[in-house]
N, C-alpha and C. Protein backbone atom coordinates (compact mmCIF):
# COMPACT_ATOMS: atom_id res chain seq x y z
N MET A 1 55.92 -38.74 -54.76
CA MET A 1 56.42 -37.91 -56.42
C MET A 1 54.68 -37.84 -56.91
N LYS A 2 53.79 -38.62 -57.06
CA LYS A 2 52.83 -38.81 -57.72
C LYS A 2 51.72 -38.39 -56.28
N PHE A 3 52.09 -38.59 -54.97
CA PHE A 3 51.23 -38.14 -53.76
C PHE A 3 51.37 -36.55 -54.01
N VAL A 4 52.64 -36.05 -53.84
CA VAL A 4 52.63 -34.85 -54.28
C VAL A 4 51.84 -33.89 -55.03
N PHE A 5 52.09 -34.65 -56.47
CA PHE A 5 51.52 -33.75 -57.57
C PHE A 5 49.75 -34.10 -57.30
N VAL A 6 49.13 -34.81 -56.71
CA VAL A 6 47.50 -34.92 -56.55
C VAL A 6 47.47 -34.16 -55.37
N LEU A 7 48.36 -33.81 -54.60
CA LEU A 7 48.12 -33.05 -53.37
C LEU A 7 47.71 -31.39 -53.98
N VAL A 8 48.85 -30.99 -54.44
CA VAL A 8 49.18 -29.67 -55.27
C VAL A 8 47.79 -29.30 -56.10
N SER A 9 47.63 -30.37 -57.06
CA SER A 9 46.31 -30.41 -57.45
C SER A 9 44.91 -29.97 -56.99
N ILE A 10 44.79 -30.71 -55.98
CA ILE A 10 43.66 -30.67 -55.23
C ILE A 10 43.67 -29.03 -54.45
N ILE A 11 44.65 -28.75 -54.06
CA ILE A 11 44.97 -27.48 -53.48
C ILE A 11 44.59 -26.03 -54.50
N GLY A 12 45.29 -26.46 -55.20
CA GLY A 12 44.67 -25.63 -56.79
C GLY A 12 43.40 -25.37 -56.82
N LEU A 13 42.73 -26.51 -57.15
CA LEU A 13 41.41 -26.43 -57.68
C LEU A 13 40.77 -25.95 -56.42
N THR A 14 40.96 -25.88 -55.03
CA THR A 14 40.01 -25.34 -54.15
C THR A 14 40.15 -23.99 -54.25
N LEU A 15 41.66 -23.31 -54.43
CA LEU A 15 42.03 -22.10 -53.91
C LEU A 15 40.91 -21.34 -55.43
N PHE A 16 41.22 -21.92 -56.79
CA PHE A 16 40.91 -21.37 -57.75
C PHE A 16 39.31 -21.17 -57.64
N SER A 17 38.39 -22.49 -57.18
CA SER A 17 37.28 -22.30 -57.58
C SER A 17 36.51 -22.05 -56.25
N GLU A 18 37.17 -21.07 -55.17
CA GLU A 18 36.24 -21.04 -54.07
C GLU A 18 35.97 -19.57 -54.30
N PRO A 19 36.42 -18.84 -55.07
CA PRO A 19 35.65 -17.39 -55.48
C PRO A 19 34.39 -17.88 -56.31
N LEU A 20 34.44 -19.00 -57.14
CA LEU A 20 33.49 -18.94 -57.81
C LEU A 20 32.29 -19.30 -57.24
N LEU A 21 32.62 -20.29 -56.48
CA LEU A 21 31.42 -20.62 -55.51
C LEU A 21 31.07 -20.13 -54.55
N SER A 22 31.95 -19.36 -53.92
CA SER A 22 31.56 -18.08 -52.97
C SER A 22 30.48 -17.33 -53.64
N LYS A 23 30.70 -16.47 -54.97
CA LYS A 23 29.76 -16.05 -55.58
C LYS A 23 28.78 -16.59 -55.67
N ASP A 24 28.53 -17.92 -56.27
CA ASP A 24 27.05 -18.69 -56.57
C ASP A 24 26.80 -18.62 -55.39
N GLN A 25 27.27 -18.99 -54.46
CA GLN A 25 26.59 -19.45 -53.03
C GLN A 25 26.04 -18.64 -52.20
N TRP A 26 26.62 -17.17 -52.32
CA TRP A 26 25.91 -16.08 -51.32
C TRP A 26 25.44 -15.09 -51.89
N VAL A 27 25.75 -15.08 -53.46
CA VAL A 27 25.06 -13.86 -53.84
C VAL A 27 23.63 -13.74 -54.34
N LEU A 28 23.23 -15.55 -54.47
CA LEU A 28 21.84 -16.04 -54.52
C LEU A 28 21.26 -16.34 -53.51
N GLN A 29 21.71 -15.82 -52.23
CA GLN A 29 20.99 -16.01 -51.00
C GLN A 29 20.58 -14.69 -50.31
N ILE A 30 20.56 -13.94 -51.05
CA ILE A 30 20.21 -12.49 -50.57
C ILE A 30 19.11 -11.96 -52.06
N PRO A 31 17.91 -11.29 -51.64
CA PRO A 31 16.79 -10.87 -52.88
C PRO A 31 17.54 -9.68 -53.49
N ASN A 32 17.44 -9.99 -54.87
CA ASN A 32 18.48 -9.31 -56.08
C ASN A 32 20.04 -8.98 -55.73
N GLY A 33 20.59 -10.10 -55.38
CA GLY A 33 21.79 -10.13 -55.04
C GLY A 33 22.93 -9.83 -56.20
N GLN A 34 22.42 -10.36 -57.18
CA GLN A 34 23.04 -10.20 -58.49
C GLN A 34 23.25 -8.64 -59.00
N LYS A 35 22.56 -7.68 -58.57
CA LYS A 35 22.75 -6.11 -58.88
C LYS A 35 23.96 -5.62 -58.55
N ASN A 36 24.07 -6.02 -57.35
CA ASN A 36 25.55 -5.44 -56.92
C ASN A 36 26.69 -6.68 -56.77
N SER A 37 26.36 -8.25 -56.69
CA SER A 37 27.47 -9.08 -56.57
C SER A 37 27.89 -8.91 -55.40
N CYS A 38 29.49 -8.94 -55.67
CA CYS A 38 30.20 -9.09 -54.30
C CYS A 38 30.10 -8.10 -53.56
N SER A 39 29.86 -7.03 -54.15
CA SER A 39 29.99 -5.90 -53.35
C SER A 39 28.93 -5.50 -52.11
N ASN A 40 28.20 -6.56 -52.35
CA ASN A 40 26.47 -6.86 -51.33
C ASN A 40 27.48 -6.54 -50.09
N CYS A 41 28.33 -7.56 -49.83
CA CYS A 41 28.79 -7.79 -48.45
C CYS A 41 30.24 -7.71 -48.24
N HIS A 42 31.22 -7.34 -49.37
CA HIS A 42 32.80 -7.00 -49.34
C HIS A 42 32.94 -5.66 -49.60
N ILE A 43 33.72 -4.85 -49.00
CA ILE A 43 34.52 -3.83 -49.14
C ILE A 43 35.23 -3.89 -50.85
N SER A 44 35.98 -4.80 -50.89
CA SER A 44 36.23 -5.01 -52.38
C SER A 44 35.46 -5.47 -53.04
N SER A 45 35.25 -4.88 -54.40
CA SER A 45 33.86 -5.43 -55.54
C SER A 45 34.35 -6.81 -55.91
N ALA A 46 35.64 -7.43 -55.91
CA ALA A 46 36.17 -8.09 -56.53
C ALA A 46 35.60 -9.56 -55.43
N GLY A 47 35.21 -9.28 -54.20
CA GLY A 47 34.81 -10.02 -53.23
C GLY A 47 36.19 -10.52 -52.42
N GLY A 48 35.78 -10.97 -51.31
CA GLY A 48 36.81 -11.81 -50.76
C GLY A 48 37.28 -10.30 -49.52
N GLY A 49 37.96 -11.00 -48.61
CA GLY A 49 38.81 -9.93 -47.65
C GLY A 49 37.52 -9.31 -46.49
N SER A 50 37.54 -8.12 -46.42
CA SER A 50 36.94 -7.47 -45.26
C SER A 50 35.66 -6.94 -45.75
N ARG A 51 34.86 -7.21 -45.04
CA ARG A 51 33.34 -7.24 -45.13
C ARG A 51 32.61 -6.02 -44.90
N ASN A 52 31.75 -5.29 -45.25
CA ASN A 52 31.07 -4.22 -45.02
C ASN A 52 29.84 -4.84 -44.11
N VAL A 53 29.42 -3.30 -43.70
CA VAL A 53 28.75 -3.50 -42.13
C VAL A 53 27.58 -4.10 -42.75
N PHE A 54 27.02 -4.27 -43.75
CA PHE A 54 25.59 -5.35 -44.15
C PHE A 54 26.42 -6.87 -44.55
N GLY A 55 27.48 -7.12 -44.82
CA GLY A 55 28.34 -8.35 -45.15
C GLY A 55 28.41 -8.72 -43.82
N LYS A 56 28.38 -7.99 -42.49
CA LYS A 56 28.70 -8.14 -41.18
C LYS A 56 27.59 -9.06 -41.00
N THR A 57 26.41 -8.21 -41.18
CA THR A 57 24.78 -8.64 -40.82
C THR A 57 24.46 -9.61 -41.65
N VAL A 58 24.77 -10.42 -42.35
CA VAL A 58 24.88 -11.49 -43.58
C VAL A 58 25.37 -12.58 -42.77
N GLU A 59 26.78 -12.38 -42.52
CA GLU A 59 27.91 -13.19 -41.59
C GLU A 59 26.95 -13.77 -40.60
N ASN A 60 26.89 -13.15 -39.67
CA ASN A 60 26.08 -13.09 -38.16
C ASN A 60 24.77 -14.09 -38.49
N SER A 61 24.08 -14.09 -39.89
CA SER A 61 23.04 -14.70 -39.77
C SER A 61 23.21 -16.13 -39.90
N ILE A 62 24.06 -16.51 -41.26
CA ILE A 62 24.31 -17.80 -41.31
C ILE A 62 24.07 -18.41 -40.71
N SER A 63 23.47 -20.10 -41.22
CA SER A 63 23.07 -20.84 -40.46
C SER A 63 23.12 -22.23 -41.24
N GLY A 64 23.99 -23.12 -40.90
CA GLY A 64 23.84 -24.56 -41.72
C GLY A 64 24.28 -24.34 -43.26
N GLY A 65 25.05 -22.90 -43.34
CA GLY A 65 25.89 -22.47 -44.38
C GLY A 65 24.81 -21.74 -45.41
N LYS A 66 23.70 -21.52 -44.88
CA LYS A 66 22.69 -20.83 -45.79
C LYS A 66 22.55 -19.48 -44.91
N VAL A 67 22.49 -18.17 -45.63
CA VAL A 67 22.03 -16.89 -45.07
C VAL A 67 20.47 -17.24 -44.42
N ARG A 68 20.20 -16.63 -43.51
CA ARG A 68 18.99 -16.31 -42.83
C ARG A 68 18.53 -15.22 -43.09
N TRP A 69 17.76 -14.96 -44.16
CA TRP A 69 17.20 -13.87 -44.76
C TRP A 69 16.06 -12.97 -43.72
N ASP A 70 15.47 -14.12 -43.14
CA ASP A 70 14.56 -13.70 -42.33
C ASP A 70 15.12 -12.99 -40.97
N LYS A 71 16.14 -13.24 -40.62
CA LYS A 71 17.00 -12.93 -39.60
C LYS A 71 17.82 -11.35 -39.96
N VAL A 72 17.77 -11.18 -41.25
CA VAL A 72 18.39 -9.92 -41.91
C VAL A 72 17.68 -8.83 -42.77
N PHE A 73 16.53 -8.69 -43.01
CA PHE A 73 15.46 -8.19 -43.76
C PHE A 73 15.05 -7.27 -42.63
N ASN A 74 15.00 -6.97 -41.39
CA ASN A 74 14.38 -6.16 -40.66
C ASN A 74 15.52 -5.33 -39.97
N ILE A 75 16.60 -5.30 -40.44
CA ILE A 75 17.88 -4.97 -39.85
C ILE A 75 18.19 -3.75 -40.36
N ASP A 76 18.66 -2.56 -40.29
CA ASP A 76 19.33 -1.43 -41.00
C ASP A 76 20.45 -1.19 -40.60
N SER A 77 21.38 -1.89 -41.39
CA SER A 77 22.95 -2.41 -41.20
C SER A 77 23.24 -1.18 -41.26
N ASP A 78 23.43 -0.19 -42.50
CA ASP A 78 24.07 1.05 -42.37
C ASP A 78 23.62 2.08 -41.89
N GLY A 79 22.46 2.16 -40.75
CA GLY A 79 21.72 3.10 -40.40
C GLY A 79 21.14 4.22 -40.87
N ASP A 80 20.65 4.35 -42.10
CA ASP A 80 20.36 5.20 -42.87
C ASP A 80 18.80 5.43 -43.03
N GLY A 81 18.05 4.42 -41.90
CA GLY A 81 16.51 4.78 -41.51
C GLY A 81 15.86 4.13 -42.36
N PHE A 82 16.48 2.61 -43.41
CA PHE A 82 15.79 2.05 -44.10
C PHE A 82 16.32 0.52 -43.96
N THR A 83 15.43 -0.22 -43.83
CA THR A 83 16.05 -1.94 -43.17
C THR A 83 16.67 -2.13 -44.72
N ASN A 84 17.31 -3.53 -44.08
CA ASN A 84 18.25 -4.00 -45.54
C ASN A 84 16.77 -4.74 -46.58
N GLY A 85 15.56 -5.01 -45.94
CA GLY A 85 14.88 -5.59 -46.87
C GLY A 85 14.12 -4.22 -48.05
N GLU A 86 13.95 -3.13 -47.10
CA GLU A 86 13.34 -2.04 -47.92
C GLU A 86 14.54 -1.74 -49.17
N GLU A 87 15.57 -1.78 -48.46
CA GLU A 87 16.71 -1.46 -49.59
C GLU A 87 16.91 -2.28 -50.71
N LEU A 88 16.48 -3.86 -50.49
CA LEU A 88 16.61 -4.63 -51.37
C LEU A 88 15.52 -4.98 -51.96
N GLN A 89 14.20 -4.51 -51.66
CA GLN A 89 12.99 -4.37 -52.41
C GLN A 89 12.13 -5.66 -52.17
N ASP A 90 12.51 -6.10 -50.34
CA ASP A 90 11.70 -7.16 -50.04
C ASP A 90 11.11 -6.40 -48.23
N PRO A 91 10.77 -5.24 -48.48
CA PRO A 91 10.74 -5.12 -46.68
C PRO A 91 9.48 -5.82 -46.15
N ASP A 92 9.00 -6.90 -46.27
CA ASP A 92 8.32 -7.69 -45.50
C ASP A 92 8.95 -8.83 -45.23
N GLY A 93 10.21 -9.23 -45.97
CA GLY A 93 10.85 -10.39 -45.85
C GLY A 93 10.32 -11.08 -46.15
N GLN A 94 9.50 -11.55 -47.05
CA GLN A 94 8.91 -12.35 -47.78
C GLN A 94 9.45 -13.43 -48.82
N TRP A 95 10.63 -12.98 -49.46
CA TRP A 95 11.72 -13.68 -50.42
C TRP A 95 12.17 -14.66 -49.44
N SER A 96 12.47 -15.78 -50.15
CA SER A 96 13.41 -16.99 -49.73
C SER A 96 14.51 -17.82 -50.93
N ILE A 97 15.40 -18.36 -50.57
CA ILE A 97 16.09 -18.78 -51.95
C ILE A 97 15.48 -19.81 -52.48
N GLY A 98 15.49 -19.23 -53.60
CA GLY A 98 15.24 -19.73 -54.74
C GLY A 98 13.95 -19.28 -55.67
N LYS A 99 13.18 -18.32 -54.98
CA LYS A 99 12.38 -17.77 -55.43
C LYS A 99 12.85 -16.47 -55.99
N ALA A 100 12.36 -16.13 -57.11
CA ALA A 100 12.39 -14.94 -57.85
C ALA A 100 12.86 -13.52 -57.54
N ASN A 101 13.30 -12.56 -57.77
CA ASN A 101 13.46 -11.59 -57.06
C ASN A 101 12.48 -10.72 -56.89
N PRO A 102 12.34 -10.08 -55.89
CA PRO A 102 11.29 -9.24 -55.57
C PRO A 102 11.15 -7.91 -55.70
N GLY A 103 10.14 -7.17 -56.24
CA GLY A 103 10.27 -5.75 -56.44
C GLY A 103 10.55 -5.33 -58.30
N VAL A 104 11.08 -4.19 -57.84
CA VAL A 104 11.95 -3.35 -58.96
C VAL A 104 13.56 -3.25 -58.86
N SER A 105 13.98 -3.80 -59.93
CA SER A 105 15.74 -4.17 -59.81
C SER A 105 16.28 -3.10 -59.54
N THR A 106 15.57 -1.93 -60.75
CA THR A 106 16.00 -0.42 -60.60
C THR A 106 15.89 0.62 -59.51
N LEU A 107 15.38 -0.13 -58.77
CA LEU A 107 14.75 0.84 -57.31
C LEU A 107 16.19 0.29 -56.31
N VAL A 108 16.66 -1.03 -56.37
CA VAL A 108 17.82 -1.65 -55.18
C VAL A 108 18.61 -0.49 -55.04
N THR A 109 18.72 -0.20 -53.32
CA THR A 109 20.18 0.65 -52.87
C THR A 109 21.01 -0.29 -52.57
N LYS A 110 21.92 0.40 -51.62
CA LYS A 110 22.72 -0.77 -51.23
C LYS A 110 22.98 -0.43 -49.73
N PRO A 111 22.53 -1.55 -48.97
CA PRO A 111 22.22 -1.59 -47.72
C PRO A 111 23.14 -0.97 -46.72
N TRP A 112 24.57 -1.30 -47.26
CA TRP A 112 26.16 -0.85 -46.77
C TRP A 112 26.36 0.50 -46.66
N ASP A 113 25.87 1.35 -47.61
CA ASP A 113 26.16 2.83 -47.88
C ASP A 113 25.08 3.72 -47.71
N PRO A 114 25.39 4.21 -46.30
CA PRO A 114 23.84 5.12 -46.02
C PRO A 114 24.07 6.18 -46.45
N ASN A 115 24.59 6.62 -47.58
CA ASN A 115 24.25 7.59 -48.91
C ASN A 115 23.12 6.95 -49.66
N SER A 116 23.24 5.43 -49.66
CA SER A 116 22.59 5.31 -51.07
C SER A 116 21.08 4.56 -50.48
N LYS A 117 20.09 5.44 -50.44
CA LYS A 117 18.79 5.54 -49.57
C LYS A 117 17.46 5.39 -51.32
N PRO A 118 16.63 4.36 -50.71
CA PRO A 118 15.62 4.14 -51.52
C PRO A 118 14.91 5.45 -51.20
N THR A 119 14.02 5.50 -52.62
CA THR A 119 13.23 6.93 -52.26
C THR A 119 12.41 6.68 -51.25
N VAL A 120 11.86 7.44 -50.79
CA VAL A 120 10.22 7.53 -49.44
C VAL A 120 9.16 7.25 -50.29
N SER A 121 9.47 6.90 -51.59
CA SER A 121 7.81 7.09 -52.14
C SER A 121 7.61 5.44 -52.38
N SER A 122 9.27 4.93 -53.08
CA SER A 122 8.94 3.63 -52.96
C SER A 122 8.61 2.72 -51.88
N VAL A 123 9.06 3.27 -50.86
CA VAL A 123 8.88 2.26 -49.36
C VAL A 123 7.26 2.80 -49.14
N GLU A 124 6.88 4.35 -49.29
CA GLU A 124 5.96 4.29 -48.28
C GLU A 124 4.70 4.31 -49.34
N ASN A 125 4.83 3.95 -50.80
CA ASN A 125 3.91 3.51 -51.70
C ASN A 125 3.33 2.13 -51.32
N ASN A 126 4.25 0.78 -51.25
CA ASN A 126 4.19 -0.11 -51.06
C ASN A 126 3.22 -0.45 -49.33
N PHE A 127 3.89 0.20 -48.74
CA PHE A 127 3.25 0.06 -46.78
C PHE A 127 1.80 0.71 -47.40
N VAL A 128 1.73 2.10 -48.06
CA VAL A 128 0.02 2.12 -47.88
C VAL A 128 -0.36 1.48 -48.60
N ASN A 129 -0.50 1.01 -49.85
CA ASN A 129 -1.26 -0.10 -50.47
C ASN A 129 -1.37 -1.42 -49.70
N SER A 130 -0.23 -1.79 -49.48
CA SER A 130 -0.68 -3.06 -48.44
C SER A 130 -1.59 -2.96 -47.21
N ASN A 131 -1.95 -1.67 -46.78
CA ASN A 131 -2.47 -0.87 -45.55
C ASN A 131 -4.07 -0.35 -45.81
N SER A 132 -3.98 -0.47 -46.96
CA SER A 132 -5.54 0.08 -47.74
C SER A 132 -6.96 -0.71 -48.23
N ILE A 133 -7.77 -0.43 -48.03
CA ILE A 133 -9.01 -0.93 -48.66
C ILE A 133 -10.15 -0.01 -49.00
N ILE A 134 -10.92 -0.57 -49.60
CA ILE A 134 -11.71 0.47 -50.00
C ILE A 134 -13.21 -0.58 -49.86
N TYR A 135 -14.47 0.17 -49.59
CA TYR A 135 -15.54 -0.64 -49.10
C TYR A 135 -16.56 0.53 -49.42
N PRO A 136 -18.05 -0.55 -49.21
CA PRO A 136 -18.51 -1.84 -49.55
C PRO A 136 -17.93 -1.89 -50.80
N THR A 137 -18.06 -3.48 -51.20
CA THR A 137 -17.85 -3.68 -52.88
C THR A 137 -18.96 -5.04 -53.14
N PRO A 138 -20.07 -4.70 -53.77
CA PRO A 138 -20.09 -3.46 -54.72
C PRO A 138 -20.82 -2.29 -53.67
N SER A 139 -20.90 -1.35 -54.02
CA SER A 139 -21.49 0.30 -53.19
C SER A 139 -22.54 0.63 -54.34
N LYS A 140 -23.48 0.88 -53.25
CA LYS A 140 -24.89 1.49 -53.97
C LYS A 140 -24.74 2.78 -53.60
N GLY A 141 -23.74 3.50 -53.30
CA GLY A 141 -23.30 5.37 -53.33
C GLY A 141 -22.24 5.30 -52.50
N ILE A 142 -22.52 5.12 -51.20
CA ILE A 142 -21.44 5.71 -50.07
C ILE A 142 -20.03 4.75 -50.51
N VAL A 143 -18.86 5.44 -50.78
CA VAL A 143 -17.83 4.39 -50.83
C VAL A 143 -16.73 4.96 -50.03
N ASN A 144 -16.16 4.18 -49.55
CA ASN A 144 -15.10 4.32 -48.01
C ASN A 144 -13.64 3.91 -48.01
N LEU A 145 -12.99 4.93 -48.28
CA LEU A 145 -11.13 4.63 -48.42
C LEU A 145 -10.60 4.82 -46.95
N SER A 146 -10.14 3.33 -46.67
CA SER A 146 -9.34 3.63 -45.53
C SER A 146 -7.74 2.90 -45.55
N TYR A 147 -7.03 3.92 -45.30
CA TYR A 147 -5.72 3.34 -45.00
C TYR A 147 -4.88 3.94 -44.21
N ILE A 148 -3.72 3.32 -44.18
CA ILE A 148 -2.50 3.97 -43.08
C ILE A 148 -1.31 4.75 -43.87
N SER A 149 -1.14 5.69 -43.16
CA SER A 149 0.43 6.43 -43.69
C SER A 149 1.05 7.07 -42.82
N ASN A 150 2.01 6.90 -43.02
CA ASN A 150 3.18 7.41 -42.18
C ASN A 150 4.04 8.89 -42.24
N TYR A 151 3.07 9.42 -43.16
CA TYR A 151 3.41 11.14 -43.20
C TYR A 151 2.33 11.74 -43.29
N PRO A 152 1.98 12.68 -42.98
CA PRO A 152 1.08 13.73 -43.13
C PRO A 152 0.67 14.71 -44.07
N GLU A 153 0.57 14.70 -45.19
CA GLU A 153 0.96 15.01 -46.18
C GLU A 153 -0.77 15.36 -46.82
N SER A 154 -0.80 16.75 -47.72
CA SER A 154 -2.10 17.19 -48.58
C SER A 154 -1.99 16.16 -49.68
N SER A 155 -3.09 15.56 -50.24
CA SER A 155 -3.29 15.04 -51.04
C SER A 155 -4.64 15.18 -52.42
N GLN A 156 -4.43 14.55 -53.34
CA GLN A 156 -5.33 14.83 -54.63
C GLN A 156 -6.17 13.22 -54.62
N LEU A 157 -7.40 13.52 -54.34
CA LEU A 157 -8.36 12.41 -54.22
C LEU A 157 -8.88 12.63 -55.86
N GLU A 158 -9.16 11.92 -56.79
CA GLU A 158 -9.69 11.71 -57.89
C GLU A 158 -10.70 10.66 -57.88
N VAL A 159 -11.40 10.81 -59.17
CA VAL A 159 -12.25 9.29 -59.24
C VAL A 159 -12.41 9.24 -60.83
N PHE A 160 -12.41 8.42 -61.63
CA PHE A 160 -12.13 8.08 -62.87
C PHE A 160 -13.04 7.36 -63.10
N ASN A 161 -13.57 7.10 -64.73
CA ASN A 161 -14.48 6.26 -65.05
C ASN A 161 -13.32 5.17 -66.12
N SER A 162 -14.14 4.07 -66.70
CA SER A 162 -13.45 3.42 -67.40
C SER A 162 -12.84 3.52 -68.16
N ASN A 163 -13.32 4.77 -68.93
CA ASN A 163 -12.88 5.11 -70.04
C ASN A 163 -11.47 6.55 -69.37
N GLY A 164 -11.05 6.57 -68.41
CA GLY A 164 -10.03 7.68 -68.05
C GLY A 164 -10.55 8.51 -67.88
N ASN A 165 -11.69 9.01 -68.04
CA ASN A 165 -12.30 10.31 -67.60
C ASN A 165 -12.33 11.14 -66.32
N LEU A 166 -11.87 11.74 -65.77
CA LEU A 166 -11.75 12.53 -64.70
C LEU A 166 -13.14 12.82 -64.43
N LEU A 167 -13.79 12.34 -63.42
CA LEU A 167 -15.34 13.00 -62.64
C LEU A 167 -15.28 13.36 -61.67
N ILE A 168 -14.49 12.99 -60.62
CA ILE A 168 -14.37 13.97 -59.27
C ILE A 168 -13.04 14.25 -58.67
N SER A 169 -12.38 15.77 -58.22
CA SER A 169 -11.29 16.19 -58.06
C SER A 169 -11.26 16.47 -56.57
N GLU A 170 -11.05 15.99 -55.30
CA GLU A 170 -11.17 17.09 -54.39
C GLU A 170 -9.78 16.90 -53.40
N ARG A 171 -9.03 17.97 -53.04
CA ARG A 171 -8.09 18.16 -52.23
C ARG A 171 -8.35 17.25 -51.00
N VAL A 172 -7.68 16.82 -50.46
CA VAL A 172 -7.71 16.12 -48.93
C VAL A 172 -6.21 16.38 -48.20
N GLU A 173 -6.42 16.22 -46.83
CA GLU A 173 -5.36 15.92 -45.97
C GLU A 173 -5.37 14.62 -45.39
N SER A 174 -4.02 14.22 -45.92
CA SER A 174 -4.00 12.85 -45.26
C SER A 174 -2.78 12.68 -44.02
N LYS A 175 -3.22 12.29 -43.12
CA LYS A 175 -2.91 12.28 -41.79
C LYS A 175 -2.13 11.43 -41.23
N PHE A 176 -1.25 11.51 -40.16
CA PHE A 176 -0.31 10.36 -39.89
C PHE A 176 -1.17 9.04 -39.10
N GLY A 177 -1.15 8.11 -39.22
CA GLY A 177 -1.90 7.21 -38.65
C GLY A 177 -2.94 6.59 -39.76
N GLU A 178 -4.20 6.52 -39.36
CA GLU A 178 -5.38 6.06 -39.90
C GLU A 178 -5.93 7.04 -40.34
N ASN A 179 -6.49 6.80 -41.81
CA ASN A 179 -7.21 7.90 -42.74
C ASN A 179 -8.48 7.03 -43.39
N LYS A 180 -9.31 7.84 -43.39
CA LYS A 180 -10.66 7.60 -43.72
C LYS A 180 -11.28 8.74 -44.85
N TYR A 181 -11.71 8.36 -45.93
CA TYR A 181 -12.37 9.37 -46.75
C TYR A 181 -13.75 8.73 -46.93
N SER A 182 -14.82 9.30 -47.49
CA SER A 182 -15.91 9.02 -47.92
C SER A 182 -16.57 9.50 -49.27
N ILE A 183 -16.78 8.99 -50.06
CA ILE A 183 -17.38 9.71 -51.13
C ILE A 183 -18.85 9.07 -51.82
N ASP A 184 -19.94 10.11 -51.65
CA ASP A 184 -21.35 9.78 -52.12
C ASP A 184 -21.62 9.84 -53.43
N LEU A 185 -21.54 8.42 -54.23
CA LEU A 185 -21.13 8.44 -55.49
C LEU A 185 -22.82 9.06 -56.54
N ASN A 186 -23.88 8.84 -55.40
CA ASN A 186 -25.28 9.03 -55.68
C ASN A 186 -25.47 10.65 -56.29
N ASN A 187 -24.55 11.37 -55.27
CA ASN A 187 -24.56 12.99 -55.52
C ASN A 187 -23.72 13.16 -57.13
N GLN A 188 -23.42 12.61 -57.85
CA GLN A 188 -22.43 12.64 -58.80
C GLN A 188 -23.18 12.35 -60.10
N SER A 189 -24.66 11.76 -60.04
CA SER A 189 -25.39 11.47 -61.25
C SER A 189 -24.52 10.53 -62.19
N LEU A 190 -23.92 9.46 -61.58
CA LEU A 190 -22.92 8.64 -62.19
C LEU A 190 -23.83 7.04 -62.37
N ASN A 191 -23.84 6.57 -63.33
CA ASN A 191 -24.32 5.32 -63.66
C ASN A 191 -23.58 4.07 -62.51
N SER A 192 -24.44 3.17 -63.15
CA SER A 192 -24.26 1.26 -62.36
C SER A 192 -22.70 1.22 -63.51
N GLY A 193 -21.61 0.76 -62.99
CA GLY A 193 -20.22 0.41 -63.63
C GLY A 193 -19.27 0.51 -62.51
N ILE A 194 -17.89 0.38 -63.59
CA ILE A 194 -16.95 0.32 -62.94
C ILE A 194 -16.39 1.38 -62.76
N TYR A 195 -15.86 2.16 -61.64
CA TYR A 195 -15.03 3.22 -61.38
C TYR A 195 -13.61 3.21 -60.74
N TYR A 196 -12.60 4.22 -60.70
CA TYR A 196 -11.65 4.12 -60.30
C TYR A 196 -10.87 5.44 -59.68
N LEU A 197 -10.71 4.79 -57.93
CA LEU A 197 -10.51 6.29 -57.32
C LEU A 197 -9.17 5.95 -57.17
N VAL A 198 -8.20 7.29 -57.02
CA VAL A 198 -7.04 7.70 -57.13
C VAL A 198 -6.58 8.60 -55.95
N LEU A 199 -6.14 8.03 -55.25
CA LEU A 199 -5.52 9.07 -54.16
C LEU A 199 -3.75 9.18 -53.85
N ARG A 200 -3.42 10.50 -54.60
CA ARG A 200 -2.01 10.61 -54.49
C ARG A 200 -1.45 11.68 -54.10
N ASN A 201 -0.25 11.92 -53.65
CA ASN A 201 0.52 12.90 -52.95
C ASN A 201 2.38 12.54 -53.34
N LYS A 202 3.42 13.17 -52.97
CA LYS A 202 4.29 12.70 -53.54
C LYS A 202 5.14 11.32 -52.42
N TYR A 203 4.15 11.34 -51.38
CA TYR A 203 4.89 9.59 -50.93
C TYR A 203 4.10 8.69 -51.49
N PHE A 204 3.09 8.47 -52.22
CA PHE A 204 2.23 7.41 -52.42
C PHE A 204 1.21 7.76 -53.55
N ASN A 205 0.83 6.72 -53.88
CA ASN A 205 -0.04 6.82 -55.10
C ASN A 205 -1.25 5.63 -54.63
N ILE A 206 -2.44 5.55 -54.37
CA ILE A 206 -3.23 4.42 -54.25
C ILE A 206 -4.47 4.38 -55.53
N ARG A 207 -4.76 3.26 -56.13
CA ARG A 207 -5.87 3.42 -57.04
C ARG A 207 -6.50 2.18 -56.64
N LYS A 208 -7.66 2.43 -56.59
CA LYS A 208 -8.96 1.09 -55.71
C LYS A 208 -9.87 1.08 -57.02
N ARG A 209 -10.52 -0.15 -57.25
CA ARG A 209 -11.25 -0.29 -58.22
C ARG A 209 -12.54 0.10 -57.43
N ILE A 210 -13.90 0.62 -58.23
CA ILE A 210 -15.31 0.83 -57.79
C ILE A 210 -16.15 -0.03 -58.22
N VAL A 211 -16.78 -0.86 -57.72
CA VAL A 211 -18.40 -1.54 -58.34
C VAL A 211 -19.36 -0.87 -57.90
N PHE A 212 -20.10 0.02 -58.75
CA PHE A 212 -20.87 0.87 -58.37
C PHE A 212 -22.29 0.40 -59.00
N SER A 213 -23.36 -0.31 -58.24
CA SER A 213 -24.71 -0.67 -58.29
C SER A 213 -25.73 0.00 -57.47
N LYS A 214 -26.62 0.76 -58.58
CA LYS A 214 -27.60 1.45 -58.19
C LYS A 214 -28.81 0.57 -57.26
């Protein structure tokens, strides 16, 4: 009788603790997993049961009881044109278990729902800013901005002083692929100092610091 009681107790503890363990174990193994909790991987928001398309991707990546985010981030599980990493604010797959959540939680979308997509601007903005450079630094006059864009789009190029006053404003065309623009600060009668170059359109906003030394 004592054996039966112990066995029933063990089974009961296993059944009741599994959902809690599952939630703690899996939700924290994807970036920003707490945002949608069990809905990240399961059709039922309560967890358990059938998995959605992202959940199946996650399941197929598990190795040694851990989610291999490096195997998941670059897949577009729901087929909406955005990778799982882009939807969970880690487009480059730099996040790993135990790290702080990347990106901005309010921009997290659902990698299992094709109707839930990140704004193009948030994805493109991160891409362009990580693939842009301003040179030389410091500059004695000619300042070059080089960047890569995934969209051809008319853009506004502006230069501000450290007080936020607009000094230069030009309309330029951003093309697909590599772009390069040059500005001659010597033509603007500017003093040596710190300035800021901003290039903006509906897809991205680049902001770079200029050190001008005559």
